[in-house]
């Protein structure tokens, strides 16, 4: 089984790639026209498609993934600089339902409610 790239689009029936996704698939991943990809809408629906420039050609039925039960929550200790944004981004990509940052006893970063 080969790994097929997943990209998010607005409309699964007539998918259009963003400039960034098109560049990534064509230049970075070096996909050729006709190679298999997966397009998703970010709300649990996805379908197989064939790479064809900025408008992938759907090649399979729309599939729906049910939400996992129970909801998943993750807490993480605050970290320095822009790393909290990276943590939140990656947890969101994983589909985490609730993200709770907190100040731990050994945290370097301290939350200032006045600046929040």
Protein backbone atom coordinates (compact mmCIF):
# COMPACT_ATOMS: atom_id res chain seq x y z
CA UNK A 1 0.00 0.00 0.00
CA UNK A 2 1.46 3.35 -1.00
CA UNK A 3 0.99 6.64 0.79
CA UNK A 4 -1.22 9.08 -1.12
CA UNK A 5 -0.97 12.78 -0.32
CA UNK A 6 -4.01 14.34 1.36
CA UNK A 7 -5.06 17.89 0.52
CA UNK A 8 -8.05 19.88 1.73
CA UNK A 9 -10.46 21.51 -0.72
CA UNK A 10 -13.71 23.48 -0.42
CA UNK A 11 -15.83 21.28 -2.74
CA UNK A 12 -15.30 17.53 -3.12
CA UNK A 13 -17.39 17.37 -6.31
CA UNK A 14 -15.31 20.01 -8.11
CA UNK A 15 -12.03 20.15 -6.15
CA UNK A 16 -9.62 23.03 -6.74
CA UNK A 17 -6.19 23.11 -5.17
CA UNK A 18 -4.77 26.18 -3.48
CA UNK A 19 -1.61 27.62 -5.03
CA UNK A 20 0.38 26.26 -2.07
CA UNK A 21 -1.02 22.71 -2.41
CA UNK A 22 -0.53 22.72 -6.19
CA UNK A 23 3.09 23.85 -5.78
CA UNK A 24 3.70 21.23 -3.08
CA UNK A 25 2.27 18.37 -5.13
CA UNK A 26 3.76 19.39 -8.49
CA UNK A 27 7.17 20.77 -7.47
CA UNK A 28 8.00 19.28 -4.07
CA UNK A 29 6.33 15.86 -4.31
CA UNK A 30 6.82 15.82 -8.12
CA UNK A 31 3.50 14.14 -8.84
CA UNK A 32 2.70 13.45 -12.45
CA UNK A 33 -0.77 13.89 -13.97
CA UNK A 34 -2.91 10.87 -13.17
CA UNK A 35 -1.21 9.93 -9.89
CA UNK A 36 -3.52 9.13 -6.97
CA UNK A 37 -4.20 11.68 -4.22
CA UNK A 38 -6.88 12.06 -1.55
CA UNK A 39 -8.96 15.22 -1.23
CA UNK A 40 -10.86 16.02 1.97
CA UNK A 41 -13.17 18.78 3.11
CA UNK A 42 -11.86 19.00 6.69
CA UNK A 43 -15.26 17.97 8.09
CA UNK A 44 -14.85 14.18 7.86
CA UNK A 45 -15.60 13.65 4.15
CA UNK A 46 -12.95 12.63 1.63
CA UNK A 47 -12.56 10.95 -1.75
CA UNK A 48 -9.86 9.58 -3.98
CA UNK A 49 -8.81 11.70 -6.93
CA UNK A 50 -6.20 11.88 -9.66
CA UNK A 51 -3.70 14.73 -9.79
CA UNK A 52 -4.45 16.91 -12.81
CA UNK A 53 -2.93 20.32 -12.21
CA UNK A 54 -4.92 22.68 -9.98
CA UNK A 55 -8.21 20.76 -10.49
CA UNK A 56 -7.91 17.12 -9.35
CA UNK A 57 -10.23 14.65 -11.10
CA UNK A 58 -12.41 12.73 -8.60
CA UNK A 59 -11.92 8.98 -9.06
CA UNK A 60 -13.92 7.47 -6.21
CA UNK A 61 -17.07 7.97 -4.17
CA UNK A 62 -17.25 10.43 -1.29
CA UNK A 63 -16.48 8.65 1.99
CA UNK A 64 -17.48 9.88 5.45
CA UNK A 65 -15.54 9.25 8.63
CA UNK A 66 -17.61 9.30 11.82
CA UNK A 67 -16.39 11.42 14.72
CA UNK A 68 -14.57 9.35 17.30
CA UNK A 69 -16.31 8.85 20.61
CA UNK A 70 -15.58 9.85 23.29
CA UNK A 71 -14.11 13.31 22.57
CA UNK A 72 -10.34 13.52 23.00
CA UNK A 73 -8.77 16.24 25.19
CA UNK A 74 -5.06 17.02 25.58
CA UNK A 75 -3.36 19.28 28.11
CA UNK A 76 0.16 20.61 27.62
CA UNK A 77 2.49 22.75 29.71
CA UNK A 78 3.19 26.18 28.26
CA UNK A 79 6.43 26.41 26.29
CA UNK A 80 8.57 29.33 25.10
CA UNK A 81 8.33 31.53 22.01
CA UNK A 82 5.98 30.49 19.19
CA UNK A 83 5.99 26.83 20.15
CA UNK A 84 2.47 26.91 21.72
CA UNK A 85 1.07 27.75 18.29
CA UNK A 86 2.92 24.79 16.77
CA UNK A 87 1.61 22.46 19.49
CA UNK A 88 -1.97 23.66 18.91
CA UNK A 89 -1.56 23.35 15.12
CA UNK A 90 -0.33 19.76 15.33
CA UNK A 91 -2.96 18.72 17.88
CA UNK A 92 -5.66 20.25 15.67
CA UNK A 93 -4.31 18.33 12.66
CA UNK A 94 -4.63 15.15 14.71
CA UNK A 95 -8.30 15.92 15.37
CA UNK A 96 -8.08 16.64 19.09
CA UNK A 97 -11.42 18.00 20.36
CA UNK A 98 -10.19 20.05 23.33
CA UNK A 99 -6.76 21.58 23.94
CA UNK A 100 -5.91 22.92 27.40
CA UNK A 101 -2.60 24.72 27.99
CA UNK A 102 -1.51 25.01 31.63
CA UNK A 103 1.34 26.37 33.74
CA UNK A 104 3.34 23.53 35.30
CA UNK A 105 5.56 23.81 38.36
CA UNK A 106 8.68 23.65 36.17
CA UNK A 107 7.38 25.82 33.31
CA UNK A 108 9.70 28.62 32.22
CA UNK A 109 6.81 30.56 30.72
CA UNK A 110 4.37 32.22 33.12
CA UNK A 111 0.84 33.15 32.06
CA UNK A 112 0.02 36.82 32.61
CA UNK A 113 -3.79 37.26 32.74
CA UNK A 114 -3.36 41.02 32.19
CA UNK A 115 -1.84 40.37 28.74
CA UNK A 116 -4.34 37.68 27.71
